[in-house]
Amino acid sequence: MSSENALPEAYRPNHDETARQNFVGALKGFLNGKLEVALDQRYQSELEPGYRAAHGKSPANRDEGLQAFGDDHLYQLWGAAVYTSQDLMWETVDHTCQRVMPAFVARRQQIEDAQAQGSLELNPNLDIPEPIRSVEIHRQPGGYFAEHGDYALLTGLRYFGTVELYRAAKGLSADTRTGAPGMGHFILGAVRKRFGDIAPAAVLDLGCGTGTETIAYKDAFPQADVWGVDLSGPLLSFAHTWSEDAGRAIHYRQADARMTGFDDASFDLIVSNILFHETSTDVLPAIMREAHRLLKPGGIFLNADTPFQPHNIPIPKQVTNHWQVINNGEPFWTGYADMDMGEELVKAGFDAAHVFADYDPLGQGVFHIFGARKADV
């Protein structure tokens, strides 16, 4: 492989791999769709009335909702099936990843031998905060930091492969190239919806992961200096390889989003995608303070994350979300949802008049969109 954009062509599940991945996607769709609807119906018809009869009131929060569900057989079936589907996802995607890895390694070597367009700054001594340090987020085997010896790209490729599986399952990959930055385009749309056409000179993608979405920001603002920051060296190694393969001059730095190492007022636009629900009660406010420090006067901070704030969802959904915390490598899923992002932004130094925290539609669902414009003075 010697041509630009070789890696999207290299990641091609074969016939049997595609069939397995389609099955896993369909299974997850059923569990998160029809079976959760059945759980909600069961709650309305039996579990909530039973709890009300025993306690004289309906469940008021997820803790009381968990008591209502208790050992209910349908809830137990749902949990066991969701847990198994996550194992199946990683196992199935890994078949493809292991098979295509030699092509990715060969392409990385070609890139390393050529003139770099962007850059990669790794910090092997970086102190990784909890819960990322000790939890296999999403139950990804080895977590975000497994090096895999000569196959150091494997951690990023596995994550990338699951995103591709979900995109296919949701019908979002038709007529688009492998690895297309759909969420990056969505976030850019959220920025333009609120601030119109902008022309930032410097853009920062916090928690950029594999960098596939970061490419959208470079494409949108080709003259801008675009940076991606993440805790994971393996994910950033994948991101750098992917961006160089695509011919994009993007810079990546391994750093804590609370302490990025950039100078004050370095960026006009700072974005993140599903970052904050993977942090913690202490880390989240510190990241927002760092974003405020890094923005130039008038700069924009915008984030997309999960939309499952308790005031927005019924008790059964609160219960199934908290199951993710206990069983599925999402330790801050409900902790993040309990926090008021608008309030946290104000605490971080943003002017309340310039803060927003609302919801934008995407497909059949929504994302929580929150952020602020830094005051001009």
Protein backbone atom coordinates (compact mmCIF):
# COMPACT_ATOMS: atom_id res chain seq x y z
CA MET A 1 0.00 0.00 0.00
CA SER A 2 1.49 3.29 -1.00
CA SER A 3 -1.41 5.57 -1.85
CA GLU A 4 -3.11 8.14 0.36
CA ASN A 5 -6.20 6.81 2.16
CA ALA A 6 -4.93 3.22 2.14
CA LEU A 7 -6.20 2.40 5.63
CA PRO A 8 -9.95 2.76 4.95
CA GLU A 9 -9.46 0.24 2.15
CA ALA A 10 -7.48 -2.06 4.43
CA TYR A 11 -10.26 -2.25 7.02
CA ARG A 12 -12.69 -4.49 5.15
CA PRO A 13 -14.53 -7.19 7.12
CA ASN A 14 -14.82 -10.26 4.92
CA HIS A 15 -18.09 -12.10 4.26
CA ASP A 16 -18.16 -14.16 7.45
CA GLU A 17 -16.91 -11.28 9.62
CA THR A 18 -19.58 -9.01 8.18
CA ALA A 19 -22.28 -11.58 8.91
CA ARG A 20 -21.14 -11.91 12.53
CA GLN A 21 -20.89 -8.15 13.00
CA ASN A 22 -24.33 -7.65 11.48
CA PHE A 23 -25.72 -10.19 13.95
CA VAL A 24 -24.12 -8.43 16.91
CA GLY A 25 -25.41 -5.07 15.68
CA ALA A 26 -28.91 -6.45 15.29
CA LEU A 27 -28.75 -8.09 18.72
CA LYS A 28 -27.69 -4.85 20.37
CA GLY A 29 -30.43 -3.00 18.50
CA PHE A 30 -33.01 -5.47 19.79
CA LEU A 31 -31.76 -5.32 23.38
CA ASN A 32 -31.58 -1.52 23.45
CA GLY A 33 -34.84 -1.19 21.53
CA LYS A 34 -37.64 -3.72 21.71
CA LEU A 35 -36.49 -5.42 24.89
CA GLU A 36 -36.10 -2.10 26.73
CA VAL A 37 -39.60 -1.18 25.55
CA ALA A 38 -40.83 -4.47 27.02
CA LEU A 39 -39.03 -3.63 30.28
CA ASP A 40 -40.76 -0.26 30.39
CA GLN A 41 -44.13 -1.91 29.81
CA ARG A 42 -43.43 -4.44 32.53
CA TYR A 43 -42.52 -1.63 34.91
CA GLN A 44 -45.75 0.23 34.17
CA SER A 45 -48.01 -2.82 34.44
CA GLU A 46 -46.42 -4.79 37.31
CA LEU A 47 -43.25 -3.49 38.94
CA GLU A 48 -44.31 0.08 39.68
CA PRO A 49 -47.73 -0.99 41.06
CA GLY A 50 -45.98 -3.62 43.19
CA TYR A 51 -43.54 -1.09 44.61
CA ARG A 52 -46.36 1.39 45.25
CA ALA A 53 -48.34 -1.26 47.11
CA ALA A 54 -45.34 -2.06 49.31
CA HIS A 55 -44.10 1.50 49.93
CA GLY A 56 -47.16 3.71 49.52
CA LYS A 57 -45.56 5.65 46.66
CA SER A 58 -44.00 5.20 43.25
CA PRO A 59 -40.20 5.05 42.81
CA ALA A 60 -38.84 8.61 42.77
CA ASN A 61 -35.29 7.90 41.55
CA ARG A 62 -33.09 5.19 40.10
CA ASP A 63 -32.19 3.71 43.51
CA GLU A 64 -35.85 3.13 44.28
CA GLY A 65 -36.34 2.00 40.69
CA LEU A 66 -33.64 -0.64 41.19
CA GLN A 67 -35.59 -1.91 44.19
CA ALA A 68 -38.70 -2.13 42.03
CA PHE A 69 -36.90 -4.17 39.37
CA GLY A 70 -35.12 -6.33 41.96
CA ASP A 71 -34.77 -9.88 40.68
CA ASP A 72 -37.40 -9.50 37.96
CA HIS A 73 -36.77 -12.21 35.38
CA LEU A 74 -37.09 -9.91 32.34
CA TYR A 75 -34.64 -7.41 33.83
CA GLN A 76 -32.20 -10.23 34.61
CA LEU A 77 -32.57 -11.58 31.07
CA TRP A 78 -31.95 -8.13 29.60
CA GLY A 79 -28.81 -7.63 31.72
CA ALA A 80 -27.35 -11.04 30.89
CA ALA A 81 -28.00 -10.52 27.19
CA VAL A 82 -26.50 -7.01 27.13
CA TYR A 83 -23.40 -8.27 28.94
CA THR A 84 -23.01 -11.12 26.47
CA SER A 85 -23.57 -8.85 23.49
CA GLN A 86 -20.66 -6.67 24.64
CA ASP A 87 -18.39 -9.72 24.78
CA LEU A 88 -19.59 -10.77 21.33
CA MET A 89 -18.89 -7.30 19.96
CA TRP A 90 -15.25 -7.26 21.05
CA GLU A 91 -14.69 -10.88 20.04
CA THR A 92 -16.26 -10.41 16.62
CA VAL A 93 -14.53 -7.13 15.79
CA ASP A 94 -11.22 -8.60 16.93
CA HIS A 95 -11.40 -11.26 14.18
CA THR A 96 -11.26 -8.46 11.62
CA CYS A 97 -8.67 -6.42 13.52
CA GLN A 98 -6.24 -9.31 13.88
CA ARG A 99 -6.56 -10.17 10.20
CA VAL A 100 -5.98 -6.64 8.88
CA MET A 101 -3.27 -5.66 11.37
CA PRO A 102 -0.31 -6.59 9.11
CA ALA A 103 -1.57 -4.13 6.48
CA PHE A 104 -1.96 -1.39 9.11
CA VAL A 105 1.54 -2.07 10.48
CA ALA A 106 3.03 -1.95 6.97
CA ARG A 107 1.25 1.31 6.22
CA ARG A 108 2.42 2.82 9.51
CA GLN A 109 6.00 1.98 8.56
CA GLN A 110 5.57 3.71 5.20
CA ILE A 111 4.21 6.77 7.00
CA GLU A 112 7.08 6.81 9.48
CA ASP A 113 9.57 6.64 6.61
CA ALA A 114 7.95 9.60 4.84
CA GLN A 115 7.83 13.32 5.62
CA ALA A 116 5.32 13.86 8.43
CA GLN A 117 2.57 16.40 7.84
CA GLY A 118 1.35 16.56 11.42
CA SER A 119 3.00 15.47 14.66
CA LEU A 120 2.70 13.06 17.57
CA GLU A 121 3.83 13.91 21.11
CA LEU A 122 3.74 10.94 23.50
CA ASN A 123 4.37 11.05 27.25
CA PRO A 124 4.98 7.55 28.63
CA ASN A 125 5.31 9.00 32.14
CA LEU A 126 1.86 10.61 32.12
CA ASP A 127 -0.08 10.00 35.34
CA ILE A 128 -3.42 8.54 34.25
CA PRO A 129 -6.37 9.62 36.43
CA GLU A 130 -9.15 7.39 37.67
CA PRO A 131 -11.42 5.85 36.52
CA ILE A 132 -9.68 5.54 33.14
CA ARG A 133 -6.52 4.12 34.73
CA SER A 134 -8.05 1.05 36.38
CA VAL A 135 -11.22 0.38 34.40
CA GLU A 136 -11.55 -1.26 31.00
CA ILE A 137 -13.86 1.42 29.64
CA HIS A 138 -16.67 -0.12 27.56
CA ARG A 139 -15.05 -3.40 28.70
CA GLN A 140 -12.56 -3.06 25.84
CA PRO A 141 -9.98 -5.84 26.40
CA GLY A 142 -6.90 -4.24 27.90
CA GLY A 143 -8.61 -0.87 28.17
CA TYR A 144 -7.30 2.17 26.31
CA PHE A 145 -3.65 1.65 27.24
CA ALA A 146 -2.73 -1.86 26.05
CA GLU A 147 0.36 -1.67 23.83
CA HIS A 148 0.22 -5.19 22.28
CA GLY A 149 3.94 -5.24 21.51
CA ASP A 150 4.64 -4.89 17.80
CA TYR A 151 0.90 -4.49 17.26
CA ALA A 152 0.62 -1.20 19.16
CA LEU A 153 -2.06 -0.07 16.70
CA LEU A 154 -4.39 -2.84 17.85
CA THR A 155 -5.90 -0.90 20.77
CA GLY A 156 -6.97 1.91 18.46
CA LEU A 157 -8.07 -0.46 15.72
CA ARG A 158 -10.34 -2.37 18.10
CA TYR A 159 -12.02 0.84 19.21
CA PHE A 160 -12.32 1.97 15.61
CA GLY A 161 -13.84 -1.38 14.62
CA THR A 162 -16.61 -1.14 17.21
CA VAL A 163 -17.50 2.35 15.97
CA GLU A 164 -17.78 0.93 12.46
CA LEU A 165 -19.99 -1.89 13.74
CA TYR A 166 -22.35 0.59 15.42
CA ARG A 167 -22.42 2.83 12.35
CA ALA A 168 -23.42 -0.11 10.17
CA ALA A 169 -26.03 -1.30 12.67
CA LYS A 170 -27.63 2.16 12.75
CA GLY A 171 -27.55 2.55 8.97
CA LEU A 172 -25.05 5.41 9.16
CA SER A 173 -22.29 3.85 7.05
CA ALA A 174 -24.16 3.53 3.75
CA ASP A 175 -22.66 5.67 1.00
CA THR A 176 -19.84 6.86 3.26
CA ARG A 177 -16.23 5.80 3.39
CA THR A 178 -14.89 3.65 6.20
CA GLY A 179 -14.03 5.82 9.18
CA ALA A 180 -15.99 8.84 7.97
CA PRO A 181 -16.14 11.45 10.77
CA GLY A 182 -19.88 11.51 11.28
CA MET A 183 -19.80 12.81 14.85
CA GLY A 184 -17.26 15.43 13.86
CA HIS A 185 -19.65 16.73 11.23
CA PHE A 186 -22.49 16.61 13.77
CA ILE A 187 -20.46 18.69 16.25
CA LEU A 188 -19.55 21.19 13.54
CA GLY A 189 -23.26 21.47 12.77
CA ALA A 190 -23.95 22.16 16.44
CA VAL A 191 -21.26 24.88 16.42
CA ARG A 192 -22.66 26.55 13.29
CA LYS A 193 -26.23 26.30 14.58
CA ARG A 194 -25.24 28.41 17.57
CA PHE A 195 -22.48 30.63 16.20
CA GLY A 196 -22.88 30.72 12.42
CA ASP A 197 -19.87 30.55 10.13
CA ILE A 198 -16.63 30.81 12.06
CA ALA A 199 -13.00 30.73 10.96
CA PRO A 200 -10.88 29.57 13.90
CA ALA A 201 -7.11 29.79 13.59
CA ALA A 202 -6.57 27.06 16.19
CA VAL A 203 -8.82 24.11 17.13
CA LEU A 204 -8.47 21.60 19.98
CA ASP A 205 -10.24 18.23 20.11
CA LEU A 206 -10.27 17.07 23.74
CA GLY A 207 -10.37 13.30 24.24
CA CYS A 208 -9.82 12.80 20.53
CA GLY A 209 -9.27 9.02 20.82
CA THR A 210 -8.54 7.47 17.44
CA GLY A 211 -8.65 10.85 15.69
CA THR A 212 -11.21 9.91 13.06
CA GLU A 213 -13.51 12.74 14.13
CA THR A 214 -10.61 15.20 14.42
CA ILE A 215 -10.22 15.00 10.65
CA ALA A 216 -13.60 16.72 10.27
CA TYR A 217 -12.24 19.82 12.00
CA LYS A 218 -9.19 19.96 9.74
CA ASP A 219 -11.41 19.55 6.68
CA ALA A 220 -13.75 22.30 7.87
CA PHE A 221 -10.90 24.69 8.72
CA PRO A 222 -7.97 23.67 6.48
CA GLN A 223 -5.91 26.75 7.41
CA ALA A 224 -6.32 26.14 11.14
CA ASP A 225 -3.78 24.62 13.48
CA VAL A 226 -5.68 21.50 14.65
CA TRP A 227 -4.68 19.55 17.75
CA GLY A 228 -6.04 16.39 19.36
CA VAL A 229 -5.37 15.54 23.03
CA ASP A 230 -5.95 12.21 24.73
CA LEU A 231 -4.68 10.19 27.69
CA SER A 232 -4.03 7.07 25.62
CA GLY A 233 -0.75 6.71 23.77
CA PRO A 234 -1.98 3.71 21.74
CA LEU A 235 -5.12 5.56 20.63
CA LEU A 236 -3.04 8.58 19.64
CA SER A 237 -0.59 6.41 17.71
CA PHE A 238 -3.55 5.12 15.72
CA ALA A 239 -4.88 8.68 15.30
CA HIS A 240 -1.56 9.96 13.96
CA THR A 241 -1.25 7.03 11.53
CA TRP A 242 -4.85 7.49 10.36
CA SER A 243 -4.47 11.25 9.84
CA GLU A 244 -1.15 10.94 8.02
CA ASP A 245 -2.62 8.24 5.79
CA ALA A 246 -5.47 10.64 4.98
CA GLY A 247 -3.03 13.43 4.14
CA ARG A 248 -4.13 15.70 7.01
CA ALA A 249 -1.67 17.81 9.00
CA ILE A 250 -3.03 17.26 12.50
CA HIS A 251 -1.03 17.41 15.73
CA TYR A 252 -1.61 14.98 18.59
CA ARG A 253 -0.46 15.26 22.20
CA GLN A 254 -0.73 12.72 24.98
CA ALA A 255 -1.84 14.77 27.94
CA ASP A 256 -4.40 15.06 30.70
CA ALA A 257 -7.27 17.29 29.56
CA ARG A 258 -7.01 19.06 32.93
CA MET A 259 -3.39 20.04 32.26
CA THR A 260 -2.75 20.07 28.52
CA GLY A 261 0.50 22.03 28.55
CA PHE A 262 -0.65 24.64 26.05
CA ASP A 263 -0.26 28.36 26.73
CA ASP A 264 -3.13 30.56 27.89
CA ALA A 265 -5.47 31.71 25.10
CA SER A 266 -4.14 29.20 22.57
CA PHE A 267 -7.40 28.19 20.83
CA ASP A 268 -10.42 29.74 19.15
CA LEU A 269 -12.49 26.53 19.23
CA ILE A 270 -12.37 23.62 21.69
CA VAL A 271 -14.64 20.60 21.15
CA SER A 272 -15.16 17.14 22.62
CA ASN A 273 -17.23 14.07 21.76
CA ILE A 274 -18.45 11.73 24.56
CA LEU A 275 -15.55 12.75 26.80
CA PHE A 276 -17.14 13.96 30.01
CA HIS A 277 -19.11 10.84 30.93
CA GLU A 278 -15.77 9.00 31.09
CA THR A 279 -14.25 11.34 33.66
CA SER A 280 -15.21 11.81 37.33
CA THR A 281 -16.75 14.33 39.72
CA ASP A 282 -13.33 15.89 40.34
CA VAL A 283 -11.91 15.64 36.83
CA LEU A 284 -14.89 17.10 34.94
CA PRO A 285 -14.77 20.59 36.55
CA ALA A 286 -10.99 20.73 36.12
CA ILE A 287 -11.29 20.05 32.38
CA MET A 288 -13.79 22.88 32.06
CA ARG A 289 -11.44 25.25 33.90
CA GLU A 290 -8.62 24.23 31.57
CA ALA A 291 -10.82 24.86 28.52
CA HIS A 292 -11.62 28.34 29.84
CA ARG A 293 -7.90 29.03 30.30
CA LEU A 294 -7.03 27.78 26.82
CA LEU A 295 -9.66 29.78 24.95
CA LYS A 296 -8.94 33.14 23.43
CA PRO A 297 -11.40 35.92 24.29
CA GLY A 298 -14.56 35.19 22.31
CA GLY A 299 -13.51 31.56 21.80
CA ILE A 300 -16.02 28.71 21.69
CA PHE A 301 -16.21 25.57 23.86
CA LEU A 302 -18.73 22.95 22.67
CA ASN A 303 -19.23 19.34 23.75
CA ALA A 304 -21.49 16.47 22.72
CA ASP A 305 -22.24 13.74 25.24
CA THR A 306 -24.87 11.27 26.38
CA PRO A 307 -28.41 12.67 26.85
CA PHE A 308 -29.52 10.62 29.85
CA GLN A 309 -29.97 13.26 32.53
CA PRO A 310 -32.48 11.88 35.08
CA HIS A 311 -35.00 14.70 34.59
CA ASN A 312 -35.20 13.71 30.91
CA ILE A 313 -35.75 9.97 31.14
CA PRO A 314 -38.21 7.63 32.91
CA ILE A 315 -37.31 5.39 35.84
CA PRO A 316 -36.77 2.20 33.75
CA LYS A 317 -34.21 4.01 31.56
CA GLN A 318 -32.49 5.37 34.66
CA VAL A 319 -32.23 1.81 35.96
CA THR A 320 -30.82 0.35 32.75
CA ASN A 321 -28.35 3.23 32.52
CA HIS A 322 -27.09 2.56 36.04
CA TRP A 323 -26.65 -1.10 35.09
CA GLN A 324 -23.96 0.18 32.68
CA VAL A 325 -22.07 1.66 35.65
CA ILE A 326 -22.11 -1.59 37.58
CA ASN A 327 -21.56 -4.07 34.79
CA ASN A 328 -20.36 -2.57 31.52
CA GLY A 329 -17.26 -0.42 32.06
CA GLU A 330 -19.06 2.93 32.37
CA PRO A 331 -18.16 4.04 35.92
CA PHE A 332 -19.21 7.68 35.52
CA TRP A 333 -22.23 7.23 33.25
CA THR A 334 -24.83 8.22 35.84
CA GLY A 335 -22.47 10.40 37.89
CA TYR A 336 -22.02 12.63 34.85
CA ALA A 337 -25.77 12.59 34.15
CA ASP A 338 -26.49 13.83 37.68
CA MET A 339 -24.33 16.94 37.18
CA ASP A 340 -25.67 20.18 35.73
CA MET A 341 -23.36 21.08 32.84
CA GLY A 342 -24.54 24.68 32.66
CA GLU A 343 -23.81 25.12 36.34
CA GLU A 344 -20.39 23.48 35.98
CA LEU A 345 -19.47 25.80 33.12
CA VAL A 346 -20.29 28.86 35.21
CA LYS A 347 -18.22 27.48 38.09
CA ALA A 348 -15.33 27.02 35.62
CA GLY A 349 -15.33 30.75 34.85
CA PHE A 350 -17.65 31.10 31.87
CA ASP A 351 -20.18 33.95 31.93
CA ALA A 352 -23.68 32.57 32.57
CA ALA A 353 -25.04 34.75 29.75
CA HIS A 354 -22.87 32.84 27.25
CA VAL A 355 -23.46 29.30 28.55
CA PHE A 356 -25.73 26.74 26.88
CA ALA A 357 -26.79 23.20 27.78
CA ASP A 358 -29.48 21.64 25.61
CA TYR A 359 -30.15 18.80 23.16
CA ASP A 360 -29.68 18.37 19.42
CA PRO A 361 -31.29 15.57 17.40
CA LEU A 362 -29.22 12.94 15.62
CA GLY A 363 -31.04 10.20 13.77
CA GLN A 364 -33.76 8.83 16.04
CA GLY A 365 -32.07 10.10 19.19
CA VAL A 366 -30.47 13.22 20.66
CA PHE A 367 -27.14 14.29 22.14
CA HIS A 368 -26.56 16.59 25.08
CA ILE A 369 -24.83 19.69 23.69
CA PHE A 370 -23.23 22.00 26.21
CA GLY A 371 -20.58 24.70 26.25
CA ALA A 372 -20.05 28.43 26.18
CA ARG A 373 -18.45 31.34 24.40
CA LYS A 374 -15.69 32.93 26.46
CA ALA A 375 -16.25 36.57 27.24
CA ASP A 376 -14.47 39.04 24.93
CA VAL A 377 -12.81 40.83 27.84
